[in-house]
Structure formats: structure tokens, C-alpha cells
Amino acid sequence: MCGIIGLVGRRGYHINQLLYDGLTVLQHRGQDAAGMMTEHEGRYHLRKSNGLVKDVFFKRHMQNLLGSIGIGHVRYPTAVILKAPNKKGNSPPNNKPTTT
């Protein structure tokens, strides 16, 4: 499950704080990671990391996320992480019956 927000504001009005507030409201949709990208004068500004919204975006990040157009997301992990092969290079058991 994830949460996504997109905003388009008036030219010259920076929407970074509105995106942050929106992501905070959507936090229940995903608490694993968050990200935000804005566009200002043809340049894209991106910040993404693992963690809660309050732990991903600090003042220094918000000051760099300028622009009147932006998108943000919060992510909830849904993929299963498989174990690494053992020291012999064999894969972990897959719980399927084997024939000998």
C-alpha cells in the first residue's frame, strides 16, 4: 500500500510545505519510506529516503525543494525479502519436496 500526492500551484508559489503536509496526512498509507520531487525553472529537485515523513525531510531538504509543481509519495513495503545464499553458495531451501 502507498500514498501519492501531486500539486500544481501558482507560478512563483513554492508548494514544498503543502506536499509535506499532504504526505504527513497520508503517512498511514505507508511508513517505510517517503519521497518528494519538485520542478522550478526547468530543474528538478528530489529528496527520498527510508523512514517516516518527519525523519526524511529536514529544514535543509525543504529549502532545496523549490517549485510550484511537485509530487510526493509514502511507501509501505509489500515485497518479500529472500535470504542470501549460504557459505557453500547454495540457495536456501524452497520447501519443495525433492526426489532422490
C-alpha atoms as a PDB file:
ATOM      1  CA  MET A   1       0.000   0.000   0.000  1.00  0.00           C
ATOM      2  CA  CYS A   2       1.266   3.512  -0.786  1.00  0.00           C
ATOM      3  CA  GLY A   3       0.120   7.086  -0.770  1.00  0.00           C
ATOM      4  CA  ILE A   4       0.709   9.610  -3.557  1.00  0.00           C
ATOM      5  CA  ILE A   5       0.049  13.345  -3.728  1.00  0.00           C
ATOM      6  CA  GLY A   6       0.576  15.746  -6.614  1.00  0.00           C
ATOM      7  CA  LEU A   7       0.169  19.515  -6.597  1.00  0.00           C
ATOM      8  CA  VAL A   8       0.282  22.341  -9.114  1.00  0.00           C
ATOM      9  CA  GLY A   9       0.402  25.829  -7.621  1.00  0.00           C
ATOM     10  CA  ARG A  10       0.555  29.356  -8.930  1.00  0.00           C
ATOM     11  CA  ARG A  11       3.788  30.309 -10.654  1.00  0.00           C
ATOM     12  CA  GLY A  12       6.180  31.640  -8.024  1.00  0.00           C
ATOM     13  CA  TYR A  13       4.408  29.892  -5.139  1.00  0.00           C
ATOM     14  CA  HIS A  14       6.501  27.077  -3.667  1.00  0.00           C
ATOM     15  CA  ILE A  15       4.399  24.050  -2.772  1.00  0.00           C
ATOM     16  CA  ASN A  16       7.007  22.110  -0.759  1.00  0.00           C
ATOM     17  CA  GLN A  17       5.253  22.707   2.574  1.00  0.00           C
ATOM     18  CA  LEU A  18       1.869  21.696   1.145  1.00  0.00           C
ATOM     19  CA  LEU A  19       3.424  18.474  -0.173  1.00  0.00           C
ATOM     20  CA  TYR A  20       4.989  17.806   3.228  1.00  0.00           C
ATOM     21  CA  ASP A  21       1.666  18.378   4.994  1.00  0.00           C
ATOM     22  CA  GLY A  22      -0.108  16.114   2.495  1.00  0.00           C
ATOM     23  CA  LEU A  23       2.444  13.343   2.989  1.00  0.00           C
ATOM     24  CA  THR A  24       2.033  13.638   6.744  1.00  0.00           C
ATOM     25  CA  VAL A  25      -1.708  13.111   6.350  1.00  0.00           C
ATOM     26  CA  LEU A  26      -1.049  10.118   4.051  1.00  0.00           C
ATOM     27  CA  GLN A  27       1.527   8.612   6.430  1.00  0.00           C
ATOM     28  CA  HIS A  28      -0.893   5.848   7.451  1.00  0.00           C
ATOM     29  CA  ARG A  29      -0.736   4.573   3.835  1.00  0.00           C
ATOM     30  CA  GLY A  30       2.986   3.853   4.096  1.00  0.00           C
ATOM     31  CA  GLN A  31       5.565   4.166   6.844  1.00  0.00           C
ATOM     32  CA  ASP A  32       8.604   2.556   5.226  1.00  0.00           C
ATOM     33  CA  ALA A  33       9.862   5.390   3.005  1.00  0.00           C
ATOM     34  CA  ALA A  34       8.942   8.803   1.625  1.00  0.00           C
ATOM     35  CA  GLY A  35       9.972  10.966  -1.277  1.00  0.00           C
ATOM     36  CA  MET A  36       9.243  14.298  -2.895  1.00  0.00           C
ATOM     37  CA  MET A  37      10.160  15.859  -6.246  1.00  0.00           C
ATOM     38  CA  THR A  38       9.513  19.429  -7.330  1.00  0.00           C
ATOM     39  CA  GLU A  39      10.203  21.413 -10.502  1.00  0.00           C
ATOM     40  CA  HIS A  40      11.444  25.003 -10.508  1.00  0.00           C
ATOM     41  CA  GLU A  41      12.576  26.908 -13.607  1.00  0.00           C
ATOM     42  CA  GLY A  42      13.193  23.720 -15.562  1.00  0.00           C
ATOM     43  CA  ARG A  43      15.191  21.979 -12.818  1.00  0.00           C
ATOM     44  CA  TYR A  44      14.019  19.024 -10.770  1.00  0.00           C
ATOM     45  CA  HIS A  45      14.660  18.755  -7.044  1.00  0.00           C
ATOM     46  CA  LEU A  46      14.418  15.363  -5.332  1.00  0.00           C
ATOM     47  CA  ARG A  47      14.585  14.031  -1.803  1.00  0.00           C
ATOM     48  CA  LYS A  48      13.787  10.436  -0.880  1.00  0.00           C
ATOM     49  CA  SER A  49      14.811   8.105   1.900  1.00  0.00           C
ATOM     50  CA  ASN A  50      13.629   5.323   4.176  1.00  0.00           C
ATOM     51  CA  GLY A  51      11.649   6.326   7.242  1.00  0.00           C
ATOM     52  CA  LEU A  52       8.700   8.400   8.306  1.00  0.00           C
ATOM     53  CA  VAL A  53       7.981  11.738   6.641  1.00  0.00           C
ATOM     54  CA  LYS A  54       9.242  13.654   9.694  1.00  0.00           C
ATOM     55  CA  ASP A  55      12.504  11.689   9.581  1.00  0.00           C
ATOM     56  CA  VAL A  56      13.095  12.104   5.827  1.00  0.00           C
ATOM     57  CA  PHE A  57      12.544  15.843   5.321  1.00  0.00           C
ATOM     58  CA  PHE A  58      14.529  18.331   7.388  1.00  0.00           C
ATOM     59  CA  LYS A  59      14.671  22.098   7.004  1.00  0.00           C
ATOM     60  CA  ARG A  60      17.724  21.902   4.721  1.00  0.00           C
ATOM     61  CA  HIS A  61      15.881  19.497   2.410  1.00  0.00           C
ATOM     62  CA  MET A  62      12.739  21.600   2.316  1.00  0.00           C
ATOM     63  CA  GLN A  63      14.739  24.701   1.373  1.00  0.00           C
ATOM     64  CA  ASN A  64      16.030  22.857  -1.702  1.00  0.00           C
ATOM     65  CA  LEU A  65      12.622  21.529  -2.794  1.00  0.00           C
ATOM     66  CA  LEU A  66      11.555  24.694  -4.600  1.00  0.00           C
ATOM     67  CA  GLY A  67       8.880  24.846  -7.255  1.00  0.00           C
ATOM     68  CA  SER A  68       5.204  25.291  -7.979  1.00  0.00           C
ATOM     69  CA  ILE A  69       4.786  21.737  -9.314  1.00  0.00           C
ATOM     70  CA  GLY A  70       5.529  18.622  -7.295  1.00  0.00           C
ATOM     71  CA  ILE A  71       4.722  15.054  -6.408  1.00  0.00           C
ATOM     72  CA  GLY A  72       5.244  13.113  -3.202  1.00  0.00           C
ATOM     73  CA  HIS A  73       4.866   9.541  -2.050  1.00  0.00           C
ATOM     74  CA  VAL A  74       4.924   7.362   1.045  1.00  0.00           C
ATOM     75  CA  ARG A  75       5.633   3.661   0.679  1.00  0.00           C
ATOM     76  CA  TYR A  76       4.637   0.553   2.558  1.00  0.00           C
ATOM     77  CA  PRO A  77       6.786  -2.498   1.819  1.00  0.00           C
ATOM     78  CA  THR A  78       4.964  -5.352   0.137  1.00  0.00           C
ATOM     79  CA  ALA A  79       7.859  -7.381  -1.289  1.00  0.00           C
ATOM     80  CA  VAL A  80       9.228 -10.447   0.450  1.00  0.00           C
ATOM     81  CA  ILE A  81      12.962 -10.359   1.111  1.00  0.00           C
ATOM     82  CA  LEU A  82      14.671 -13.647   0.352  1.00  0.00           C
ATOM     83  CA  LYS A  83      17.605 -14.898   2.384  1.00  0.00           C
ATOM     84  CA  ALA A  84      21.068 -14.756   0.857  1.00  0.00           C
ATOM     85  CA  PRO A  85      22.783 -17.976  -0.267  1.00  0.00           C
ATOM     86  CA  ASN A  86      24.700 -19.836   2.434  1.00  0.00           C
ATOM     87  CA  LYS A  87      28.514 -20.056   2.603  1.00  0.00           C
ATOM     88  CA  LYS A  88      28.598 -23.025   0.193  1.00  0.00           C
ATOM     89  CA  GLY A  89      26.876 -20.908  -2.451  1.00  0.00           C
ATOM     90  CA  ASN A  90      23.662 -22.893  -2.232  1.00  0.00           C
ATOM     91  CA  SER A  91      20.321 -21.189  -2.163  1.00  0.00           C
ATOM     92  CA  PRO A  92      18.169 -21.530   0.942  1.00  0.00           C
ATOM     93  CA  PRO A  93      15.592 -24.315   0.901  1.00  0.00           C
ATOM     94  CA  ASN A  94      12.415 -23.551  -1.017  1.00  0.00           C
ATOM     95  CA  ASN A  95      10.253 -26.016   0.951  1.00  0.00           C
ATOM     96  CA  LYS A  96       9.518 -28.082  -2.141  1.00  0.00           C
ATOM     97  CA  PRO A  97       9.813 -31.859  -1.876  1.00  0.00           C
ATOM     98  CA  THR A  98      12.899 -33.273  -3.547  1.00  0.00           C
ATOM     99  CA  THR A  99      13.301 -36.600  -5.263  1.00  0.00           C
ATOM    100  CA  THR A 100      16.453 -38.641  -4.866  1.00  0.00           C
END
